[in-house]
Amino acid sequence: MTTNADAGSRPASQIDSSYAWMRLAVALLLGTIGSVGMWSFVVALPAVQADFGIARGAASLPFTLTMFGFGFGGIVMGRLADRFGIVMPVIVGAVALGAGYALSGIATGIGTFALAQGLLGLGSAATFGPLMTDISHWFVRRRGIAVALASCGNYLAGAIWPPFIQHFISTEGWRATQIGIGVICVVTLVPLSLLLRRPAPSQHSAASTANAAGRLGSLGISANVLMALLFVAGIACCVAMSMPQVHIVAYCGDLGYGPARGAEMLSMMLGFGLISRIAGGFIADRIGGVATLLISSGLQGVALFMYLFFDGLFSLYVISALFGLFQGSIVPMYAIIVREYFAPQEAGTRLGVVLLATLGGMALGGWMSGVIFDLTGSYQAAFLNGLGWNLVNLSIVAWLLYRPGRRMVPA
């Protein structure tokens, strides 16, 4: 429940206003375009592997660097947003995306290509965590759903881009497709960012800082301990999450269904993830970010378990949809938790650190799954590996939720 002090510290004419909702719509569009750097390689993986003549594990390395670039970029871009507002990091991200796609399109070896993918991760980071943090300053009563909607750009990108990318890879080649995506990013993101020039209202008020400190005190642990726990939880949940998201296209190819079916499953997975993110925002406004994270993480484990027993074409479509529906709200919950328990003036940087953990988990999980496949010739062990990491996440979140003396006070 929102406290009067928190709500009163910001002008009512700006908080939860029509302008705030317009700003949210622009943020959603920015995320949908800019997050293409997260998903394009998932579709291009088979073509890149064939072009460079390398094993699946080596071909997965560029995605690992994409995730690390995204993770470290979240801290850098979050710090820029905390100090200068959201426009600067978005423009820097657009330039990085354009350069990264151009470099990847002309790469002559997997090393250069992987470095270019790291640059893409850096650029995409500007249109994810910083946008969620920026939107959190413009809402109080509907902060959960607003942050969730801002995060949906990342999944909309995953739902919309893959089929188009697959089409152009098959007709124009993966190199021309990479360069074309870079041009689109630069010419759209820069002008859209200028619509967000208005500074956030009273985001550094003493009342908001005091409220966050009170919530942290009610949790019964220090800020550093909470950050460490969120960091480990972020790694664990996303190692589990990465197995289907990174390898579903290659998995379908191995099963004889073809990469196009895998791209459709990825699109479906992320499309249903949108439903999860929106629903998770509504739920978090009522029960808080930690409790919502626990529910989502548990359901993600259920979907991973189902992959172990069903590999028919129809079954994979259904399970992929369920996987997206179950896990989509996980990452936005970290943004809500950060806003609940840390001061607003440091929210961008702290969220960047937590997102570094989640993206590090995606990078580690994507690479581990490829290596496990190379060693075993099957993805069964990779799914089991994901389940183990998911249990680590569940244990941490459950401990935070049920530790003695804890009191839930949503932002």
Protein backbone atom coordinates (compact mmCIF):
# COMPACT_ATOMS: atom_id res chain seq x y z
CA MET A 1 0.00 0.00 0.00
CA THR A 2 1.36 3.46 -0.90
CA THR A 3 2.18 5.70 2.06
CA ASN A 4 0.89 9.25 2.23
CA ALA A 5 4.43 10.56 2.58
CA ASP A 6 5.54 8.83 -0.57
CA ALA A 7 2.55 9.99 -2.58
CA GLY A 8 2.65 13.50 -1.18
CA SER A 9 6.29 14.03 -2.02
CA ARG A 10 5.49 14.29 -5.71
CA PRO A 11 3.18 16.72 -7.51
CA ALA A 12 -0.17 15.04 -8.17
CA SER A 13 -0.32 16.77 -11.56
CA GLN A 14 2.60 14.64 -12.77
CA ILE A 15 2.48 11.39 -10.83
CA ASP A 16 0.04 8.83 -12.30
CA SER A 17 -1.00 11.50 -14.83
CA SER A 18 -1.92 11.22 -18.50
CA TYR A 19 1.59 12.40 -19.35
CA ALA A 20 3.01 9.56 -17.22
CA TRP A 21 0.99 7.05 -19.25
CA MET A 22 2.13 8.65 -22.52
CA ARG A 23 5.70 8.41 -21.30
CA LEU A 24 5.11 4.74 -20.52
CA ALA A 25 3.87 4.16 -24.09
CA VAL A 26 7.06 5.72 -25.51
CA ALA A 27 9.18 3.62 -23.16
CA LEU A 28 7.38 0.49 -24.35
CA LEU A 29 8.09 1.38 -27.99
CA LEU A 30 11.75 2.12 -27.22
CA GLY A 31 12.11 -1.22 -25.49
CA THR A 32 10.46 -3.08 -28.36
CA ILE A 33 12.94 -1.66 -30.86
CA GLY A 34 16.09 -1.51 -28.74
CA SER A 35 15.78 -5.00 -27.26
CA VAL A 36 16.25 -6.62 -30.66
CA GLY A 37 19.90 -6.98 -29.68
CA MET A 38 18.82 -9.52 -27.08
CA TRP A 39 17.07 -11.87 -29.49
CA SER A 40 18.47 -11.58 -33.01
CA PHE A 41 21.36 -13.97 -32.37
CA VAL A 42 19.02 -16.67 -31.03
CA VAL A 43 17.47 -16.84 -34.50
CA ALA A 44 20.78 -16.43 -36.33
CA LEU A 45 22.63 -19.10 -34.31
CA PRO A 46 22.23 -22.01 -36.79
CA ALA A 47 23.27 -19.82 -39.76
CA VAL A 48 26.25 -18.36 -37.90
CA GLN A 49 27.37 -21.82 -36.76
CA ALA A 50 27.22 -23.12 -40.34
CA ASP A 51 28.97 -20.06 -41.79
CA PHE A 52 31.92 -20.22 -39.40
CA GLY A 53 32.00 -24.04 -39.26
CA ILE A 54 32.12 -24.30 -35.45
CA ALA A 55 30.60 -26.50 -32.72
CA ARG A 56 27.39 -25.60 -30.86
CA GLY A 57 29.24 -24.63 -27.69
CA ALA A 58 31.54 -22.22 -29.54
CA ALA A 59 28.58 -20.85 -31.50
CA SER A 60 26.82 -20.09 -28.19
CA LEU A 61 29.72 -17.89 -26.99
CA PRO A 62 28.52 -14.72 -28.80
CA PHE A 63 25.23 -14.92 -26.90
CA THR A 64 27.23 -15.15 -23.67
CA LEU A 65 29.03 -11.91 -24.56
CA THR A 66 25.68 -10.33 -25.51
CA MET A 67 24.39 -11.09 -22.03
CA PHE A 68 27.53 -9.79 -20.34
CA GLY A 69 27.36 -6.63 -22.45
CA PHE A 70 23.73 -6.22 -21.48
CA GLY A 71 24.53 -6.84 -17.82
CA PHE A 72 27.43 -4.41 -17.50
CA GLY A 73 25.59 -2.01 -19.78
CA GLY A 74 22.72 -1.99 -17.31
CA ILE A 75 25.01 -0.57 -14.62
CA VAL A 76 26.61 1.98 -16.95
CA MET A 77 23.32 3.09 -18.50
CA GLY A 78 21.58 3.08 -15.11
CA ARG A 79 24.28 5.36 -13.70
CA LEU A 80 23.92 7.70 -16.68
CA ALA A 81 20.15 7.78 -16.17
CA ASP A 82 20.53 8.51 -12.44
CA ARG A 83 22.81 11.47 -13.19
CA PHE A 84 21.57 12.90 -16.50
CA GLY A 85 18.09 11.50 -17.15
CA ILE A 86 16.92 8.84 -19.56
CA VAL A 87 17.61 10.57 -22.90
CA MET A 88 21.41 10.29 -22.80
CA PRO A 89 21.62 6.52 -22.19
CA VAL A 90 19.05 5.81 -24.90
CA ILE A 91 21.02 7.81 -27.49
CA VAL A 92 24.28 6.15 -26.43
CA GLY A 93 22.52 2.78 -26.69
CA ALA A 94 21.25 3.54 -30.20
CA VAL A 95 24.77 4.36 -31.39
CA ALA A 96 26.11 1.18 -29.80
CA LEU A 97 23.43 -0.93 -31.51
CA GLY A 98 24.14 0.59 -34.89
CA ALA A 99 27.89 0.01 -34.54
CA GLY A 100 27.47 -3.49 -33.14
CA TYR A 101 25.21 -4.70 -35.93
CA ALA A 102 27.46 -3.18 -38.60
CA LEU A 103 30.53 -4.87 -37.10
CA SER A 104 28.80 -8.24 -36.74
CA GLY A 105 27.61 -8.09 -40.33
CA ILE A 106 31.16 -7.80 -41.67
CA ALA A 107 32.85 -10.08 -39.11
CA THR A 108 35.22 -12.63 -40.64
CA GLY A 109 35.56 -14.85 -37.56
CA ILE A 110 33.66 -15.90 -34.47
CA GLY A 111 35.90 -13.76 -32.23
CA THR A 112 35.05 -10.50 -33.97
CA PHE A 113 31.41 -11.52 -34.19
CA ALA A 114 31.31 -12.27 -30.45
CA LEU A 115 32.81 -8.87 -29.59
CA ALA A 116 30.20 -7.19 -31.79
CA GLN A 117 27.49 -9.08 -29.92
CA GLY A 118 28.85 -7.69 -26.65
CA LEU A 119 28.40 -4.20 -28.08
CA LEU A 120 24.81 -5.09 -28.99
CA GLY A 121 24.17 -6.13 -25.41
CA LEU A 122 25.55 -2.81 -24.18
CA GLY A 123 23.24 -0.92 -26.53
CA SER A 124 20.13 -2.92 -25.69
CA ALA A 125 20.71 -2.36 -21.98
CA ALA A 126 19.75 1.30 -22.39
CA THR A 127 16.20 0.35 -23.35
CA PHE A 128 15.50 -2.03 -20.48
CA GLY A 129 16.57 -1.36 -16.88
CA PRO A 130 16.92 2.45 -17.18
CA LEU A 131 13.45 2.70 -18.72
CA MET A 132 11.91 0.65 -15.88
CA THR A 133 13.63 2.85 -13.31
CA ASP A 134 12.56 6.04 -15.08
CA ILE A 135 8.93 4.91 -15.21
CA SER A 136 8.97 3.96 -11.52
CA HIS A 137 9.47 7.65 -10.68
CA TRP A 138 6.28 8.63 -12.51
CA PHE A 139 3.87 6.25 -10.78
CA VAL A 140 2.89 5.53 -7.19
CA ARG A 141 -0.55 3.87 -7.10
CA ARG A 142 0.12 1.80 -10.23
CA ARG A 143 3.89 1.43 -9.98
CA GLY A 144 3.82 -2.36 -10.26
CA ILE A 145 1.82 -2.49 -13.48
CA ALA A 146 3.70 0.52 -14.93
CA VAL A 147 7.11 -1.09 -14.38
CA ALA A 148 5.79 -4.39 -15.72
CA LEU A 149 4.49 -2.70 -18.88
CA ALA A 150 7.79 -0.86 -19.36
CA SER A 151 9.60 -4.19 -19.19
CA CYS A 152 7.31 -5.67 -21.83
CA GLY A 153 9.25 -3.99 -24.61
CA ASN A 154 11.96 -6.58 -24.06
CA TYR A 155 9.49 -9.42 -24.64
CA LEU A 156 7.59 -7.67 -27.41
CA ALA A 157 10.93 -7.53 -29.20
CA GLY A 158 11.28 -11.27 -28.70
CA ALA A 159 7.75 -11.90 -29.94
CA ILE A 160 7.84 -9.59 -32.98
CA TRP A 161 11.43 -9.65 -34.28
CA PRO A 162 12.31 -13.39 -34.60
CA PRO A 163 9.90 -14.33 -37.45
CA PHE A 164 11.01 -11.29 -39.48
CA ILE A 165 14.67 -11.96 -38.79
CA GLN A 166 14.27 -15.61 -39.78
CA HIS A 167 12.60 -14.55 -43.03
CA PHE A 168 15.35 -12.12 -44.00
CA ILE A 169 18.11 -14.54 -42.98
CA SER A 170 16.62 -17.15 -45.31
CA THR A 171 16.16 -14.67 -48.19
CA GLU A 172 18.96 -12.09 -47.80
CA GLY A 173 21.50 -13.86 -45.58
CA TRP A 174 22.36 -13.25 -41.95
CA ARG A 175 25.01 -10.61 -42.64
CA ALA A 176 22.72 -8.26 -44.60
CA THR A 177 20.03 -8.82 -41.98
CA GLN A 178 22.38 -7.74 -39.18
CA ILE A 179 23.33 -4.52 -40.96
CA GLY A 180 19.70 -3.70 -41.76
CA ILE A 181 18.68 -4.09 -38.11
CA GLY A 182 21.41 -1.67 -37.05
CA VAL A 183 20.16 1.02 -39.43
CA ILE A 184 16.59 0.64 -38.12
CA CYS A 185 17.75 1.02 -34.52
CA VAL A 186 19.63 4.28 -35.10
CA VAL A 187 16.95 6.03 -37.16
CA THR A 188 14.13 5.18 -34.72
CA LEU A 189 15.60 5.22 -31.21
CA VAL A 190 17.28 8.65 -31.33
CA PRO A 191 14.17 10.71 -32.25
CA LEU A 192 11.94 8.69 -29.89
CA SER A 193 14.28 9.35 -26.97
CA LEU A 194 13.76 13.10 -27.35
CA LEU A 195 10.13 12.65 -26.32
CA LEU A 196 11.35 11.81 -22.79
CA ARG A 197 13.27 15.02 -22.08
CA ARG A 198 11.03 16.12 -19.19
CA PRO A 199 12.86 15.37 -15.88
CA ALA A 200 11.32 12.99 -13.38
CA PRO A 201 9.30 14.74 -10.62
CA SER A 202 10.88 14.99 -7.17
CA GLN A 203 12.48 11.58 -7.53
CA HIS A 204 15.11 12.31 -4.87
CA SER A 205 12.79 13.50 -2.09
CA ALA A 206 13.75 12.87 1.52
CA ALA A 207 10.37 11.27 2.18
CA SER A 208 10.82 8.66 -0.54
CA THR A 209 14.30 7.85 0.72
CA ALA A 210 13.03 7.50 4.28
CA ASN A 211 10.18 5.22 3.19
CA ALA A 212 12.59 2.93 1.36
CA ALA A 213 14.86 2.81 4.40
CA GLY A 214 11.88 1.89 6.57
CA ARG A 215 10.94 -0.98 4.29
CA LEU A 216 14.52 -2.24 4.28
CA GLY A 217 14.55 -2.08 8.07
CA SER A 218 11.36 -4.09 8.24
CA LEU A 219 13.06 -6.80 6.20
CA GLY A 220 15.61 -7.27 8.98
CA ILE A 221 18.80 -7.36 6.88
CA SER A 222 21.29 -4.76 5.66
CA ALA A 223 21.26 -3.20 2.20
CA ASN A 224 24.44 -5.04 1.22
CA VAL A 225 23.04 -8.40 2.30
CA LEU A 226 19.84 -7.80 0.35
CA MET A 227 21.84 -6.81 -2.74
CA ALA A 228 23.99 -9.95 -2.43
CA LEU A 229 20.92 -12.17 -2.11
CA LEU A 230 19.21 -10.52 -5.08
CA PHE A 231 22.42 -10.91 -7.10
CA VAL A 232 22.66 -14.66 -6.46
CA ALA A 233 18.91 -15.12 -6.99
CA GLY A 234 19.16 -13.25 -10.30
CA ILE A 235 21.94 -15.50 -11.55
CA ALA A 236 20.10 -18.66 -10.54
CA CYS A 237 16.71 -17.86 -12.02
CA CYS A 238 18.18 -16.83 -15.35
CA VAL A 239 20.51 -19.80 -15.75
CA ALA A 240 17.28 -21.81 -15.60
CA MET A 241 15.46 -19.39 -17.90
CA SER A 242 18.15 -19.41 -20.58
CA MET A 243 17.87 -23.08 -21.55
CA PRO A 244 14.62 -22.83 -23.53
CA GLN A 245 15.07 -19.21 -24.60
CA VAL A 246 18.57 -19.58 -26.02
CA HIS A 247 18.40 -23.10 -27.44
CA ILE A 248 14.78 -23.68 -28.50
CA VAL A 249 15.56 -22.88 -32.17
CA ALA A 250 18.57 -25.23 -32.23
CA TYR A 251 16.64 -27.86 -30.22
CA CYS A 252 13.85 -27.94 -32.81
CA GLY A 253 16.41 -28.26 -35.57
CA ASP A 254 17.99 -31.25 -33.80
CA LEU A 255 14.59 -32.90 -33.43
CA GLY A 256 13.94 -32.52 -37.17
CA TYR A 257 11.28 -29.82 -36.90
CA GLY A 258 13.48 -27.11 -38.46
CA PRO A 259 14.66 -23.71 -37.16
CA ALA A 260 11.52 -21.95 -38.41
CA ARG A 261 9.39 -23.95 -35.94
CA GLY A 262 11.84 -23.06 -33.20
CA ALA A 263 11.61 -19.36 -34.08
CA GLU A 264 7.81 -19.64 -33.87
CA MET A 265 8.09 -21.27 -30.43
CA LEU A 266 10.43 -18.52 -29.23
CA SER A 267 7.98 -15.92 -30.49
CA MET A 268 5.12 -17.71 -28.74
CA MET A 269 7.17 -18.09 -25.55
CA LEU A 270 7.90 -14.39 -25.36
CA GLY A 271 4.41 -13.42 -26.47
CA PHE A 272 2.89 -15.33 -23.56
CA GLY A 273 5.61 -13.78 -21.40
CA LEU A 274 3.93 -10.43 -22.05
CA ILE A 275 0.77 -11.74 -20.40
CA SER A 276 2.85 -12.90 -17.46
CA ARG A 277 4.56 -9.53 -17.06
CA ILE A 278 1.31 -7.58 -17.08
CA ALA A 279 -0.38 -10.00 -14.70
CA GLY A 280 2.69 -9.95 -12.46
CA GLY A 281 2.50 -6.15 -12.27
CA PHE A 282 -1.12 -6.29 -11.09
CA ILE A 283 -0.27 -8.97 -8.54
CA ALA A 284 2.79 -7.08 -7.26
CA ASP A 285 0.65 -3.99 -6.62
CA ARG A 286 -1.31 -6.17 -4.19
CA ILE A 287 1.14 -8.60 -2.57
CA GLY A 288 4.55 -7.04 -3.28
CA GLY A 289 7.49 -7.92 -5.47
CA VAL A 290 9.05 -10.68 -3.35
CA ALA A 291 5.89 -12.78 -3.09
CA THR A 292 5.20 -12.38 -6.81
CA LEU A 293 8.78 -13.41 -7.61
CA LEU A 294 8.36 -16.58 -5.55
CA ILE A 295 5.21 -17.58 -7.44
CA SER A 296 6.77 -16.92 -10.84
CA SER A 297 9.98 -18.80 -10.04
CA GLY A 298 8.05 -21.84 -8.83
CA LEU A 299 5.97 -21.97 -11.99
CA GLN A 300 9.08 -21.59 -14.16
CA GLY A 301 10.43 -24.75 -12.54
CA VAL A 302 7.22 -26.59 -13.38
CA ALA A 303 7.57 -25.72 -17.08
CA LEU A 304 11.23 -26.77 -17.16
CA PHE A 305 10.27 -30.09 -15.64
CA MET A 306 7.72 -30.64 -18.44
CA TYR A 307 10.42 -30.23 -21.12
CA LEU A 308 12.07 -33.39 -19.77
CA PHE A 309 9.14 -35.62 -20.71
CA PHE A 310 7.64 -34.16 -23.89
CA ASP A 311 9.39 -33.42 -27.19
CA GLY A 312 6.61 -33.78 -29.76
CA LEU A 313 5.98 -30.77 -31.99
CA PHE A 314 2.58 -29.92 -30.52
CA SER A 315 3.84 -30.57 -26.98
CA LEU A 316 6.77 -28.21 -27.46
CA TYR A 317 4.45 -25.45 -28.67
CA VAL A 318 2.26 -25.89 -25.58
CA ILE A 319 5.16 -26.10 -23.11
CA SER A 320 6.90 -23.10 -24.67
CA ALA A 321 3.71 -21.08 -24.29
CA LEU A 322 3.40 -22.19 -20.66
CA PHE A 323 7.06 -21.43 -20.02
CA GLY A 324 6.55 -17.87 -21.25
CA LEU A 325 3.35 -17.52 -19.24
CA PHE A 326 5.05 -18.73 -16.06
CA GLN A 327 8.42 -16.93 -16.14
CA GLY A 328 7.70 -13.63 -17.88
CA SER A 329 7.18 -11.63 -14.68
CA ILE A 330 10.41 -12.72 -12.97
CA VAL A 331 12.83 -10.00 -14.12
CA PRO A 332 10.44 -7.03 -13.63
CA MET A 333 9.96 -8.12 -10.03
CA TYR A 334 13.59 -7.29 -9.32
CA ALA A 335 12.92 -3.71 -10.49
CA ILE A 336 9.93 -3.47 -8.17
CA ILE A 337 11.88 -4.95 -5.24
CA VAL A 338 14.69 -2.42 -5.78
CA ARG A 339 12.17 0.45 -5.72
CA GLU A 340 10.55 -0.98 -2.59
CA TYR A 341 13.72 -1.27 -0.52
CA PHE A 342 16.29 1.22 -1.86
CA ALA A 343 16.38 5.01 -2.21
CA PRO A 344 15.04 6.32 -5.54
CA GLN A 345 18.17 8.33 -6.37
CA GLU A 346 20.21 5.13 -6.53
CA ALA A 347 17.55 2.89 -8.06
CA GLY A 348 19.00 2.97 -11.58
CA THR A 349 22.46 1.88 -10.49
CA ARG A 350 21.23 -0.77 -8.04
CA LEU A 351 18.81 -2.22 -10.59
CA GLY A 352 21.68 -2.28 -13.08
CA VAL A 353 23.69 -4.43 -10.65
CA VAL A 354 20.79 -6.86 -10.19
CA LEU A 355 20.17 -7.00 -13.93
CA LEU A 356 23.87 -7.74 -14.38
CA ALA A 357 23.24 -10.85 -12.29
CA THR A 358 20.20 -11.89 -14.32
CA LEU A 359 22.00 -11.36 -17.60
CA GLY A 360 25.07 -13.08 -16.24
CA GLY A 361 22.79 -16.00 -15.49
CA MET A 362 21.44 -15.93 -19.04
CA ALA A 363 24.99 -15.81 -20.40
CA LEU A 364 26.21 -18.60 -18.15
CA GLY A 365 23.15 -20.73 -18.79
CA GLY A 366 23.25 -20.26 -22.55
CA TRP A 367 26.91 -21.28 -22.66
CA MET A 368 26.50 -24.16 -20.17
CA SER A 369 23.60 -25.62 -22.14
CA GLY A 370 25.65 -25.59 -25.33
CA VAL A 371 28.59 -27.28 -23.62
CA ILE A 372 26.32 -29.87 -21.98
CA PHE A 373 24.82 -30.62 -25.39
CA ASP A 374 28.29 -31.08 -26.91
CA LEU A 375 29.26 -33.46 -24.09
CA THR A 376 26.07 -35.53 -24.00
CA GLY A 377 24.56 -35.13 -27.49
CA SER A 378 21.24 -34.25 -25.84
CA TYR A 379 19.50 -31.35 -24.12
CA GLN A 380 18.03 -33.55 -21.34
CA ALA A 381 20.94 -32.92 -18.97
CA ALA A 382 20.77 -29.20 -19.79
CA PHE A 383 17.12 -29.09 -18.68
CA LEU A 384 18.09 -30.86 -15.42
CA ASN A 385 20.85 -28.32 -14.90
CA GLY A 386 18.30 -25.53 -15.29
CA LEU A 387 16.01 -27.14 -12.73
CA GLY A 388 18.82 -27.25 -10.17
CA TRP A 389 19.54 -23.55 -10.56
CA ASN A 390 15.83 -22.79 -10.34
CA LEU A 391 15.72 -24.48 -6.93
CA VAL A 392 18.51 -22.17 -5.73
CA ASN A 393 16.45 -19.14 -6.72
CA LEU A 394 13.34 -20.53 -5.03
CA SER A 395 15.24 -21.13 -1.81
CA ILE A 396 16.56 -17.55 -1.61
CA VAL A 397 13.25 -15.89 -2.42
CA ALA A 398 11.34 -18.12 0.00
CA TRP A 399 13.82 -17.24 2.75
CA LEU A 400 13.32 -13.53 2.10
CA LEU A 401 9.57 -13.88 2.17
CA TYR A 402 9.19 -16.08 5.23
CA ARG A 403 12.10 -15.03 7.46
CA PRO A 404 10.96 -14.11 11.04
CA GLY A 405 9.99 -10.49 11.54
CA ARG A 406 9.64 -9.67 7.88
CA ARG A 407 6.90 -7.17 6.99
CA MET A 408 5.75 -6.62 3.39
CA VAL A 409 5.20 -2.96 2.51
CA PRO A 410 4.89 -2.45 -1.28
CA ALA A 411 6.19 0.82 -2.73
